[in-house]
Amino acid sequence: MAVATPTRSVTGMRVVRLVEIESPEATVEPPDEIPEPVVEIQAVLPEVPPSAESIVVEEPVAGLRAAEVLRVRSSDSRLWRQALPEAFELTQTQRMELELAGKLEEWNDSVAAAVAAEYALTDWTTTDSQGRRWGVSPGQLHLGDLTLPLPFYFQGSSFQRERAARRAWEDQDIANGANTQVIRESWRDRAEAIRRRRDRDRNENSASADSTGTGG
């Protein structure tokens, strides 16, 4: 703290006497709890033996871009790695099973591609800016956020359904009656035709008998 002295300033200079005063706020109180000492734990890493295979790092050729440097070339030793010895221990049956599995995988991929192409031909839908689907796809009708299965039906009330069923029964009964009438009329016409033919034959036979008797 600075305390001004009663001395006068000499040639524009002022003498200031410094007196140290202990402030109550500056006193440091001892902590209530003594912090526990921090123990540093040093991790011990296991020693890893060096790899038996040596890794060859090729120096990049000057003047190549990063993509060309990262591209795998035919001279890369990883492409010419020796085959596993287990591959030469497979039996003929195991080799045939592996070949069959590969053929089935190729066949599944081909069928999946053909089905996807066929589905794309029957998918008449479009998507708007909000991701909603509109149109018709196999077995479905897309109306934005709503998708309905096809075919779908709108059912009326119980009275309307009963009335429609009654009308359908009446129409079927009328159709059956009309068919029966047509059959009966055809039978009647056929019987009439048979009767007229018999009468004609009888008349012809009678005329022939009369002419034969007269001539005798």
C-alpha atoms as a PDB file:
ATOM      1  CA  MET A   1       0.000   0.000   0.000  1.00  0.00           C
ATOM      2  CA  ALA A   2       1.385   3.447  -0.915  1.00  0.00           C
ATOM      3  CA  VAL A   3       1.364   6.257   1.708  1.00  0.00           C
ATOM      4  CA  ALA A   4       2.071   9.835   0.710  1.00  0.00           C
ATOM      5  CA  THR A   5       4.841  11.568   2.689  1.00  0.00           C
ATOM      6  CA  PRO A   6       4.665  15.217   3.851  1.00  0.00           C
ATOM      7  CA  THR A   7       7.838  16.029   1.947  1.00  0.00           C
ATOM      8  CA  ARG A   8       7.598  18.309  -0.982  1.00  0.00           C
ATOM      9  CA  SER A   9       8.425  17.285  -4.481  1.00  0.00           C
ATOM     10  CA  VAL A  10      11.759  18.340  -5.814  1.00  0.00           C
ATOM     11  CA  THR A  11      12.046  19.272  -9.467  1.00  0.00           C
ATOM     12  CA  GLY A  12       8.763  17.631 -10.312  1.00  0.00           C
ATOM     13  CA  MET A  13       9.566  14.383  -8.468  1.00  0.00           C
ATOM     14  CA  ARG A  14       7.451  12.982  -5.641  1.00  0.00           C
ATOM     15  CA  VAL A  15       8.751  10.594  -3.013  1.00  0.00           C
ATOM     16  CA  VAL A  16       6.379   7.794  -2.008  1.00  0.00           C
ATOM     17  CA  ARG A  17       6.999   5.568   1.026  1.00  0.00           C
ATOM     18  CA  LEU A  18       5.741   2.007   0.761  1.00  0.00           C
ATOM     19  CA  VAL A  19       4.336   0.340   3.881  1.00  0.00           C
ATOM     20  CA  GLU A  20       3.262  -3.332   3.905  1.00  0.00           C
ATOM     21  CA  ILE A  21      -0.159  -3.865   5.503  1.00  0.00           C
ATOM     22  CA  GLU A  22      -1.519  -7.367   6.012  1.00  0.00           C
ATOM     23  CA  SER A  23      -5.022  -7.661   4.516  1.00  0.00           C
ATOM     24  CA  PRO A  24      -7.505 -10.075   6.171  1.00  0.00           C
ATOM     25  CA  GLU A  25      -8.747 -11.266   2.757  1.00  0.00           C
ATOM     26  CA  ALA A  26      -5.239 -12.242   1.733  1.00  0.00           C
ATOM     27  CA  THR A  27      -4.823 -14.787   4.519  1.00  0.00           C
ATOM     28  CA  VAL A  28      -4.818 -18.371   3.284  1.00  0.00           C
ATOM     29  CA  GLU A  29      -6.844 -20.778   5.380  1.00  0.00           C
ATOM     30  CA  PRO A  30      -5.738 -24.383   5.636  1.00  0.00           C
ATOM     31  CA  PRO A  31      -7.908 -26.825   3.634  1.00  0.00           C
ATOM     32  CA  ASP A  32     -10.566 -28.790   5.467  1.00  0.00           C
ATOM     33  CA  GLU A  33      -9.565 -32.073   3.830  1.00  0.00           C
ATOM     34  CA  ILE A  34      -6.114 -33.149   2.873  1.00  0.00           C
ATOM     35  CA  PRO A  35      -6.170 -34.448  -0.725  1.00  0.00           C
ATOM     36  CA  GLU A  36      -5.015 -37.966  -1.233  1.00  0.00           C
ATOM     37  CA  PRO A  37      -1.745 -38.373  -3.042  1.00  0.00           C
ATOM     38  CA  VAL A  38      -2.054 -39.283  -6.700  1.00  0.00           C
ATOM     39  CA  VAL A  39      -0.312 -42.504  -7.580  1.00  0.00           C
ATOM     40  CA  GLU A  40       0.800 -42.769 -11.180  1.00  0.00           C
ATOM     41  CA  ILE A  41       0.384 -46.229 -12.711  1.00  0.00           C
ATOM     42  CA  GLN A  42       2.646 -47.036 -15.575  1.00  0.00           C
ATOM     43  CA  ALA A  43       1.257 -49.549 -18.065  1.00  0.00           C
ATOM     44  CA  VAL A  44       3.542 -52.399 -18.940  1.00  0.00           C
ATOM     45  CA  LEU A  45       3.216 -53.461 -22.584  1.00  0.00           C
ATOM     46  CA  PRO A  46       4.083 -57.042 -23.486  1.00  0.00           C
ATOM     47  CA  GLU A  47       7.006 -57.553 -25.722  1.00  0.00           C
ATOM     48  CA  VAL A  48       5.913 -58.642 -29.206  1.00  0.00           C
ATOM     49  CA  PRO A  49       8.440 -60.664 -31.153  1.00  0.00           C
ATOM     50  CA  PRO A  50       9.259 -59.357 -34.605  1.00  0.00           C
ATOM     51  CA  SER A  51       7.314 -60.788 -37.528  1.00  0.00           C
ATOM     52  CA  ALA A  52       8.925 -63.577 -39.471  1.00  0.00           C
ATOM     53  CA  GLU A  53       7.798 -62.069 -42.768  1.00  0.00           C
ATOM     54  CA  SER A  54       9.561 -58.964 -43.864  1.00  0.00           C
ATOM     55  CA  ILE A  55       7.385 -56.141 -45.140  1.00  0.00           C
ATOM     56  CA  VAL A  56       8.718 -54.562 -48.258  1.00  0.00           C
ATOM     57  CA  VAL A  57       7.800 -50.924 -48.668  1.00  0.00           C
ATOM     58  CA  GLU A  58       8.289 -49.684 -52.180  1.00  0.00           C
ATOM     59  CA  GLU A  59       9.397 -46.155 -52.722  1.00  0.00           C
ATOM     60  CA  PRO A  60       6.811 -44.117 -54.653  1.00  0.00           C
ATOM     61  CA  VAL A  61       7.763 -43.160 -58.148  1.00  0.00           C
ATOM     62  CA  ALA A  62       8.248 -39.453 -58.598  1.00  0.00           C
ATOM     63  CA  GLY A  63       5.691 -37.644 -60.711  1.00  0.00           C
ATOM     64  CA  LEU A  64       2.714 -39.891 -59.827  1.00  0.00           C
ATOM     65  CA  ARG A  65      -0.490 -38.694 -58.237  1.00  0.00           C
ATOM     66  CA  ALA A  66      -1.793 -40.045 -54.929  1.00  0.00           C
ATOM     67  CA  ALA A  67      -4.455 -42.188 -56.640  1.00  0.00           C
ATOM     68  CA  GLU A  68      -1.845 -43.758 -58.904  1.00  0.00           C
ATOM     69  CA  VAL A  69       0.453 -44.457 -55.960  1.00  0.00           C
ATOM     70  CA  LEU A  70      -2.342 -46.197 -53.997  1.00  0.00           C
ATOM     71  CA  ARG A  71      -3.476 -48.254 -56.989  1.00  0.00           C
ATOM     72  CA  VAL A  72      -2.555 -51.930 -56.748  1.00  0.00           C
ATOM     73  CA  ARG A  73      -0.218 -52.920 -59.550  1.00  0.00           C
ATOM     74  CA  SER A  74       0.576 -56.318 -60.990  1.00  0.00           C
ATOM     75  CA  SER A  75       4.007 -56.183 -59.373  1.00  0.00           C
ATOM     76  CA  ASP A  76       2.468 -56.064 -55.886  1.00  0.00           C
ATOM     77  CA  SER A  77       3.647 -59.077 -53.891  1.00  0.00           C
ATOM     78  CA  ARG A  78       0.240 -59.413 -52.210  1.00  0.00           C
ATOM     79  CA  LEU A  79      -1.274 -60.510 -55.518  1.00  0.00           C
ATOM     80  CA  TRP A  80       1.224 -63.335 -55.872  1.00  0.00           C
ATOM     81  CA  ARG A  81       0.888 -64.742 -52.372  1.00  0.00           C
ATOM     82  CA  GLN A  82       1.239 -68.489 -52.152  1.00  0.00           C
ATOM     83  CA  ALA A  83      -1.944 -70.526 -51.818  1.00  0.00           C
ATOM     84  CA  LEU A  84      -2.849 -72.025 -48.478  1.00  0.00           C
ATOM     85  CA  PRO A  85      -1.733 -75.634 -48.090  1.00  0.00           C
ATOM     86  CA  GLU A  86      -5.287 -76.596 -47.043  1.00  0.00           C
ATOM     87  CA  ALA A  87      -6.449 -75.907 -50.594  1.00  0.00           C
ATOM     88  CA  PHE A  88      -4.372 -78.843 -51.865  1.00  0.00           C
ATOM     89  CA  GLU A  89      -5.728 -81.210 -49.210  1.00  0.00           C
ATOM     90  CA  LEU A  90      -9.365 -81.034 -50.368  1.00  0.00           C
ATOM     91  CA  THR A  91     -10.972 -84.210 -51.601  1.00  0.00           C
ATOM     92  CA  GLN A  92     -12.718 -84.501 -54.939  1.00  0.00           C
ATOM     93  CA  THR A  93     -16.114 -84.350 -53.217  1.00  0.00           C
ATOM     94  CA  GLN A  94     -15.221 -81.159 -51.360  1.00  0.00           C
ATOM     95  CA  ARG A  95     -13.998 -79.530 -54.565  1.00  0.00           C
ATOM     96  CA  MET A  96     -17.237 -80.446 -56.344  1.00  0.00           C
ATOM     97  CA  GLU A  97     -19.255 -79.017 -53.445  1.00  0.00           C
ATOM     98  CA  LEU A  98     -17.320 -75.743 -53.634  1.00  0.00           C
ATOM     99  CA  GLU A  99     -17.809 -75.559 -57.401  1.00  0.00           C
ATOM    100  CA  LEU A 100     -21.521 -76.305 -57.008  1.00  0.00           C
ATOM    101  CA  ALA A 101     -21.850 -73.598 -54.349  1.00  0.00           C
ATOM    102  CA  GLY A 102     -20.171 -71.116 -56.690  1.00  0.00           C
ATOM    103  CA  LYS A 103     -22.475 -72.074 -59.566  1.00  0.00           C
ATOM    104  CA  LEU A 104     -25.536 -71.711 -57.340  1.00  0.00           C
ATOM    105  CA  GLU A 105     -24.363 -68.289 -56.201  1.00  0.00           C
ATOM    106  CA  GLU A 106     -23.934 -67.164 -59.814  1.00  0.00           C
ATOM    107  CA  TRP A 107     -27.368 -68.569 -60.674  1.00  0.00           C
ATOM    108  CA  ASN A 108     -28.974 -66.741 -57.734  1.00  0.00           C
ATOM    109  CA  ASP A 109     -27.362 -63.485 -58.820  1.00  0.00           C
ATOM    110  CA  SER A 110     -28.624 -63.948 -62.385  1.00  0.00           C
ATOM    111  CA  VAL A 111     -32.158 -64.762 -61.220  1.00  0.00           C
ATOM    112  CA  ALA A 112     -32.177 -61.783 -58.853  1.00  0.00           C
ATOM    113  CA  ALA A 113     -31.071 -59.475 -61.679  1.00  0.00           C
ATOM    114  CA  ALA A 114     -33.766 -60.869 -64.005  1.00  0.00           C
ATOM    115  CA  VAL A 115     -36.469 -60.487 -61.347  1.00  0.00           C
ATOM    116  CA  ALA A 116     -35.362 -56.922 -60.620  1.00  0.00           C
ATOM    117  CA  ALA A 117     -35.497 -56.064 -64.340  1.00  0.00           C
ATOM    118  CA  GLU A 118     -38.967 -57.624 -64.698  1.00  0.00           C
ATOM    119  CA  TYR A 119     -40.196 -55.803 -61.597  1.00  0.00           C
ATOM    120  CA  ALA A 120     -38.905 -52.505 -62.984  1.00  0.00           C
ATOM    121  CA  LEU A 121     -41.073 -52.997 -66.100  1.00  0.00           C
ATOM    122  CA  THR A 122     -44.234 -53.428 -64.006  1.00  0.00           C
ATOM    123  CA  ASP A 123     -43.455 -50.697 -61.478  1.00  0.00           C
ATOM    124  CA  TRP A 124     -45.412 -47.658 -62.686  1.00  0.00           C
ATOM    125  CA  THR A 125     -44.662 -45.358 -59.774  1.00  0.00           C
ATOM    126  CA  THR A 126     -43.006 -42.011 -59.263  1.00  0.00           C
ATOM    127  CA  THR A 127     -41.623 -40.261 -56.191  1.00  0.00           C
ATOM    128  CA  ASP A 128     -42.214 -36.598 -55.426  1.00  0.00           C
ATOM    129  CA  SER A 129     -39.864 -34.138 -53.731  1.00  0.00           C
ATOM    130  CA  GLN A 130     -41.105 -35.202 -50.275  1.00  0.00           C
ATOM    131  CA  GLY A 131     -40.274 -38.865 -50.863  1.00  0.00           C
ATOM    132  CA  ARG A 132     -43.915 -39.944 -51.284  1.00  0.00           C
ATOM    133  CA  ARG A 133     -44.712 -42.646 -53.816  1.00  0.00           C
ATOM    134  CA  TRP A 134     -47.489 -42.358 -56.387  1.00  0.00           C
ATOM    135  CA  GLY A 135     -48.660 -44.936 -58.911  1.00  0.00           C
ATOM    136  CA  VAL A 136     -49.249 -48.660 -59.255  1.00  0.00           C
ATOM    137  CA  SER A 137     -46.805 -51.465 -58.516  1.00  0.00           C
ATOM    138  CA  PRO A 138     -47.453 -55.234 -58.615  1.00  0.00           C
ATOM    139  CA  GLY A 139     -50.253 -55.854 -56.112  1.00  0.00           C
ATOM    140  CA  GLN A 140     -50.173 -52.356 -54.604  1.00  0.00           C
ATOM    141  CA  LEU A 141     -51.672 -48.914 -55.184  1.00  0.00           C
ATOM    142  CA  HIS A 142     -49.509 -46.048 -53.888  1.00  0.00           C
ATOM    143  CA  LEU A 143     -51.226 -42.777 -52.960  1.00  0.00           C
ATOM    144  CA  GLY A 144     -48.485 -40.759 -51.326  1.00  0.00           C
ATOM    145  CA  ASP A 145     -48.139 -41.934 -47.734  1.00  0.00           C
ATOM    146  CA  LEU A 146     -50.982 -44.456 -48.217  1.00  0.00           C
ATOM    147  CA  THR A 147     -50.451 -47.870 -49.839  1.00  0.00           C
ATOM    148  CA  LEU A 148     -53.460 -50.080 -50.631  1.00  0.00           C
ATOM    149  CA  PRO A 149     -53.339 -53.757 -51.642  1.00  0.00           C
ATOM    150  CA  LEU A 150     -54.836 -54.753 -54.975  1.00  0.00           C
ATOM    151  CA  PRO A 151     -57.547 -55.757 -55.606  1.00  0.00           C
ATOM    152  CA  PHE A 152     -59.563 -53.943 -52.945  1.00  0.00           C
ATOM    153  CA  TYR A 153     -63.336 -53.619 -52.491  1.00  0.00           C
ATOM    154  CA  PHE A 154     -65.617 -50.986 -50.984  1.00  0.00           C
ATOM    155  CA  GLN A 155     -68.299 -52.649 -48.846  1.00  0.00           C
ATOM    156  CA  GLY A 156     -71.686 -51.028 -48.235  1.00  0.00           C
ATOM    157  CA  SER A 157     -74.145 -51.381 -45.365  1.00  0.00           C
ATOM    158  CA  SER A 158     -75.863 -54.647 -44.408  1.00  0.00           C
ATOM    159  CA  PHE A 159     -79.128 -53.487 -46.042  1.00  0.00           C
ATOM    160  CA  GLN A 160     -77.353 -52.735 -49.310  1.00  0.00           C
ATOM    161  CA  ARG A 161     -75.564 -56.087 -49.261  1.00  0.00           C
ATOM    162  CA  GLU A 162     -78.841 -57.946 -48.585  1.00  0.00           C
ATOM    163  CA  ARG A 163     -80.609 -56.036 -51.337  1.00  0.00           C
ATOM    164  CA  ALA A 164     -77.819 -56.758 -53.806  1.00  0.00           C
ATOM    165  CA  ALA A 165     -77.865 -60.460 -52.879  1.00  0.00           C
ATOM    166  CA  ARG A 166     -81.660 -60.584 -53.327  1.00  0.00           C
ATOM    167  CA  ARG A 167     -81.408 -58.883 -56.712  1.00  0.00           C
ATOM    168  CA  ALA A 168     -78.685 -61.284 -57.813  1.00  0.00           C
ATOM    169  CA  TRP A 169     -80.845 -64.263 -56.768  1.00  0.00           C
ATOM    170  CA  GLU A 170     -83.838 -62.909 -58.696  1.00  0.00           C
ATOM    171  CA  ASP A 171     -81.735 -62.316 -61.795  1.00  0.00           C
ATOM    172  CA  GLN A 172     -80.371 -65.845 -61.595  1.00  0.00           C
ATOM    173  CA  ASP A 173     -83.880 -67.278 -61.116  1.00  0.00           C
ATOM    174  CA  ILE A 174     -85.164 -65.364 -64.128  1.00  0.00           C
ATOM    175  CA  ALA A 175     -82.228 -66.541 -66.208  1.00  0.00           C
ATOM    176  CA  ASN A 176     -82.834 -70.147 -65.146  1.00  0.00           C
ATOM    177  CA  GLY A 177     -86.542 -69.838 -65.993  1.00  0.00           C
ATOM    178  CA  ALA A 178     -85.748 -68.396 -69.402  1.00  0.00           C
ATOM    179  CA  ASN A 179     -83.365 -71.230 -70.115  1.00  0.00           C
ATOM    180  CA  THR A 180     -85.974 -73.765 -69.032  1.00  0.00           C
ATOM    181  CA  GLN A 181     -88.579 -72.150 -71.293  1.00  0.00           C
ATOM    182  CA  VAL A 182     -86.207 -72.243 -74.224  1.00  0.00           C
ATOM    183  CA  ILE A 183     -85.565 -75.931 -73.617  1.00  0.00           C
ATOM    184  CA  ARG A 184     -89.284 -76.688 -73.364  1.00  0.00           C
ATOM    185  CA  GLU A 185     -90.041 -74.780 -76.543  1.00  0.00           C
ATOM    186  CA  SER A 186     -87.292 -76.647 -78.345  1.00  0.00           C
ATOM    187  CA  TRP A 187     -88.757 -79.948 -77.123  1.00  0.00           C
ATOM    188  CA  ARG A 188     -92.248 -78.880 -78.217  1.00  0.00           C
ATOM    189  CA  ASP A 189     -90.995 -77.841 -81.637  1.00  0.00           C
ATOM    190  CA  ARG A 190     -89.113 -81.093 -82.002  1.00  0.00           C
ATOM    191  CA  ALA A 191     -92.143 -83.156 -80.993  1.00  0.00           C
ATOM    192  CA  GLU A 192     -94.316 -81.204 -83.443  1.00  0.00           C
ATOM    193  CA  ALA A 193     -91.814 -81.790 -86.230  1.00  0.00           C
ATOM    194  CA  ILE A 194     -91.718 -85.519 -85.464  1.00  0.00           C
ATOM    195  CA  ARG A 195     -95.529 -85.703 -85.460  1.00  0.00           C
ATOM    196  CA  ARG A 196     -95.797 -83.901 -88.800  1.00  0.00           C
ATOM    197  CA  ARG A 197     -93.201 -86.211 -90.326  1.00  0.00           C
ATOM    198  CA  ARG A 198     -95.058 -89.288 -89.113  1.00  0.00           C
ATOM    199  CA  ASP A 199     -98.356 -87.951 -90.478  1.00  0.00           C
ATOM    200  CA  ARG A 200     -96.718 -87.256 -93.810  1.00  0.00           C
ATOM    201  CA  ASP A 201     -95.223 -90.725 -93.929  1.00  0.00           C
ATOM    202  CA  ARG A 202     -98.585 -92.262 -93.021  1.00  0.00           C
ATOM    203  CA  ASN A 203    -100.374 -90.322 -95.743  1.00  0.00           C
ATOM    204  CA  GLU A 204     -97.775 -91.313 -98.290  1.00  0.00           C
ATOM    205  CA  ASN A 205     -98.098 -94.975 -97.319  1.00  0.00           C
ATOM    206  CA  SER A 206    -101.898 -94.799 -97.572  1.00  0.00           C
ATOM    207  CA  ALA A 207    -101.717 -93.213-101.010  1.00  0.00           C
ATOM    208  CA  SER A 208     -99.296 -95.864-102.200  1.00  0.00           C
ATOM    209  CA  ALA A 209    -101.563 -98.663-100.923  1.00  0.00           C
ATOM    210  CA  ASP A 210    -104.607 -97.190-102.646  1.00  0.00           C
ATOM    211  CA  SER A 211    -102.834 -96.844-105.962  1.00  0.00           C
ATOM    212  CA  THR A 212    -101.546-100.405-105.753  1.00  0.00           C
ATOM    213  CA  GLY A 213    -105.006-101.838-104.988  1.00  0.00           C
ATOM    214  CA  THR A 214    -106.694 -99.969-107.818  1.00  0.00           C
ATOM    215  CA  GLY A 215    -104.225-101.123-110.382  1.00  0.00           C
ATOM    216  CA  GLY A 216    -104.798-104.809-109.370  1.00  0.00           C
END
